[in-house]
């Protein structure tokens, strides 16, 4: 039991080290937002997930495009948690699964969204409840309404 706990703490330490490095690389006086680049509608069939990820990546409004990077570096949670990318995938809970699925949720917008779709299909909106106040208001009784 102690060995498992020690292993988990070591993994968390690595993730937190990566987070600290990423946050330190962002100059506080100059933030350049880089929109993701993709050729197809990556959000097809997932309008609610797009709204969630826009809120999670601090795009402010669910109809904006979620972003993966700031200043060329992966977007990390400003709350100090090991959440990364457009959909703020928690490495604390999902690092092993994303690794086994061979998805680079930290450096690939497409992989971040692919894992978010997997998670959304499996757990619904539960993993993103922290941002619910942002995206909830855009949902109507019939589903998703992203009008302003």
Protein backbone atom coordinates (compact mmCIF):
# COMPACT_ATOMS: atom_id res chain seq x y z
CA UNK A 1 0.00 0.00 0.00
CA UNK A 2 2.81 2.40 0.90
CA UNK A 3 4.65 1.51 -2.29
CA UNK A 4 1.58 2.39 -4.37
CA UNK A 5 1.17 5.67 -2.51
CA UNK A 6 4.85 6.49 -3.00
CA UNK A 7 4.53 5.76 -6.73
CA UNK A 8 1.44 7.98 -7.04
CA UNK A 9 3.22 10.80 -5.19
CA UNK A 10 6.22 10.46 -7.50
CA UNK A 11 3.93 10.67 -10.55
CA UNK A 12 2.17 13.72 -9.13
CA UNK A 13 5.54 15.33 -8.43
CA UNK A 14 6.53 14.91 -12.10
CA UNK A 15 3.24 16.41 -13.28
CA UNK A 16 3.55 19.34 -10.88
CA UNK A 17 7.13 19.90 -12.04
CA UNK A 18 5.94 20.06 -15.65
CA UNK A 19 3.19 22.46 -14.62
CA UNK A 20 5.63 24.76 -12.81
CA UNK A 21 7.98 24.77 -15.80
CA UNK A 22 5.13 25.56 -18.19
CA UNK A 23 3.77 28.37 -16.05
CA UNK A 24 7.22 29.87 -15.52
CA UNK A 25 7.76 30.02 -19.29
CA UNK A 26 4.79 32.35 -19.79
CA UNK A 27 5.75 36.00 -19.47
CA UNK A 28 3.12 37.67 -17.34
CA UNK A 29 3.14 40.91 -19.35
CA UNK A 30 2.78 39.35 -22.79
CA UNK A 31 0.30 36.62 -23.61
CA UNK A 32 -0.17 35.62 -27.22
CA UNK A 33 -3.22 33.45 -27.88
CA UNK A 34 -2.75 30.96 -30.67
CA UNK A 35 -5.94 29.51 -32.16
CA UNK A 36 -5.85 25.81 -33.03
CA UNK A 37 -5.43 24.86 -36.65
CA UNK A 38 -7.49 22.02 -38.05
CA UNK A 39 -9.00 21.38 -41.45
CA UNK A 40 -12.24 19.60 -40.57
CA UNK A 41 -14.93 20.36 -38.03
CA UNK A 42 -13.37 18.57 -35.10
CA UNK A 43 -16.44 19.41 -33.01
CA UNK A 44 -19.00 17.72 -35.33
CA UNK A 45 -21.56 16.00 -33.13
CA UNK A 46 -20.14 17.59 -29.97
CA UNK A 47 -21.45 21.18 -29.72
CA UNK A 48 -21.78 20.98 -25.94
CA UNK A 49 -18.21 19.70 -25.60
CA UNK A 50 -16.99 22.61 -27.74
CA UNK A 51 -18.76 25.04 -25.38
CA UNK A 52 -17.27 23.28 -22.37
CA UNK A 53 -13.75 23.37 -23.81
CA UNK A 54 -14.09 27.02 -24.79
CA UNK A 55 -14.96 27.82 -21.18
CA UNK A 56 -12.24 25.52 -19.84
CA UNK A 57 -9.56 27.14 -21.99
CA UNK A 58 -10.65 30.60 -20.86
CA UNK A 59 -12.09 31.63 -24.20
CA UNK A 60 -14.79 33.36 -22.13
CA UNK A 61 -17.70 32.54 -24.44
CA UNK A 62 -18.74 29.05 -25.52
CA UNK A 63 -19.06 30.07 -29.18
CA UNK A 64 -15.34 30.95 -29.33
CA UNK A 65 -12.82 28.40 -30.51
CA UNK A 66 -11.08 26.61 -27.62
CA UNK A 67 -7.32 27.11 -27.53
CA UNK A 68 -4.51 24.64 -26.86
CA UNK A 69 -1.49 26.92 -26.57
CA UNK A 70 -0.39 30.29 -25.16
CA UNK A 71 2.92 31.69 -26.41
CA UNK A 72 3.62 28.39 -28.16
CA UNK A 73 3.44 26.45 -24.88
CA UNK A 74 0.68 24.08 -23.76
CA UNK A 75 -2.16 25.81 -21.93
CA UNK A 76 -2.11 24.79 -18.26
CA UNK A 77 -4.80 25.46 -15.69
CA UNK A 78 -4.44 28.79 -13.92
CA UNK A 79 -5.93 27.16 -10.80
CA UNK A 80 -2.69 25.29 -10.17
CA UNK A 81 -4.09 21.89 -11.08
CA UNK A 82 -2.41 19.59 -13.63
CA UNK A 83 -5.07 20.24 -16.29
CA UNK A 84 -3.79 20.89 -19.80
CA UNK A 85 -4.92 21.92 -23.27
CA UNK A 86 -8.08 23.12 -24.93
CA UNK A 87 -10.31 20.82 -22.89
CA UNK A 88 -8.19 21.02 -19.72
CA UNK A 89 -7.60 17.27 -19.43
CA UNK A 90 -6.53 16.43 -15.87
CA UNK A 91 -3.22 14.60 -15.94
CA UNK A 92 -3.77 13.74 -12.30
CA UNK A 93 -6.60 11.42 -13.29
CA UNK A 94 -6.02 10.69 -16.98
CA UNK A 95 -2.25 10.55 -17.62
CA UNK A 96 -2.12 6.76 -17.65
CA UNK A 97 -5.14 6.35 -19.92
CA UNK A 98 -3.98 9.00 -22.39
CA UNK A 99 -0.55 7.34 -22.45
CA UNK A 100 -2.07 3.91 -23.11
CA UNK A 101 -4.26 5.41 -25.85
CA UNK A 102 -1.10 7.00 -27.33
CA UNK A 103 -2.64 10.48 -27.16
CA UNK A 104 -0.48 13.55 -26.55
CA UNK A 105 -3.06 15.74 -24.82
CA UNK A 106 -0.37 18.23 -23.84
CA UNK A 107 1.07 19.06 -27.27
CA UNK A 108 -1.69 18.10 -29.71
CA UNK A 109 -5.00 19.94 -30.02
CA UNK A 110 -6.48 17.02 -31.93
CA UNK A 111 -5.40 14.49 -29.28
CA UNK A 112 -6.70 16.72 -26.48
CA UNK A 113 -10.10 16.94 -28.16
CA UNK A 114 -10.10 13.21 -29.04
CA UNK A 115 -9.58 12.31 -25.38
CA UNK A 116 -12.19 14.84 -24.31
CA UNK A 117 -14.69 13.16 -26.67
CA UNK A 118 -13.82 9.77 -25.17
CA UNK A 119 -14.28 11.17 -21.67
CA UNK A 120 -17.50 12.99 -22.63
CA UNK A 121 -18.96 9.78 -24.13
CA UNK A 122 -17.97 7.86 -21.00
CA UNK A 123 -18.82 10.36 -18.22
CA UNK A 124 -20.84 13.16 -19.77
CA UNK A 125 -20.19 16.62 -18.35
CA UNK A 126 -19.00 15.37 -14.94
CA UNK A 127 -15.25 16.01 -15.52
CA UNK A 128 -15.98 19.66 -16.37
CA UNK A 129 -18.40 20.60 -13.59
CA UNK A 130 -16.00 23.26 -12.30
CA UNK A 131 -16.70 25.39 -15.40
CA UNK A 132 -20.44 24.64 -15.50
CA UNK A 133 -21.44 28.22 -14.66
CA UNK A 134 -19.76 29.31 -17.88
CA UNK A 135 -21.32 26.79 -20.28
CA UNK A 136 -24.58 25.84 -18.53
CA UNK A 137 -26.40 29.00 -19.56
CA UNK A 138 -26.00 28.10 -23.24
CA UNK A 139 -27.93 24.88 -22.87
CA UNK A 140 -31.67 24.87 -23.44
CA UNK A 141 -34.25 22.16 -22.82
CA UNK A 142 -33.65 20.62 -26.26
CA UNK A 143 -29.87 20.45 -26.03
CA UNK A 144 -27.34 23.11 -26.90
CA UNK A 145 -28.06 26.67 -27.93
CA UNK A 146 -24.87 28.57 -28.67
CA UNK A 147 -26.53 31.79 -29.78
CA UNK A 148 -25.26 34.95 -28.12
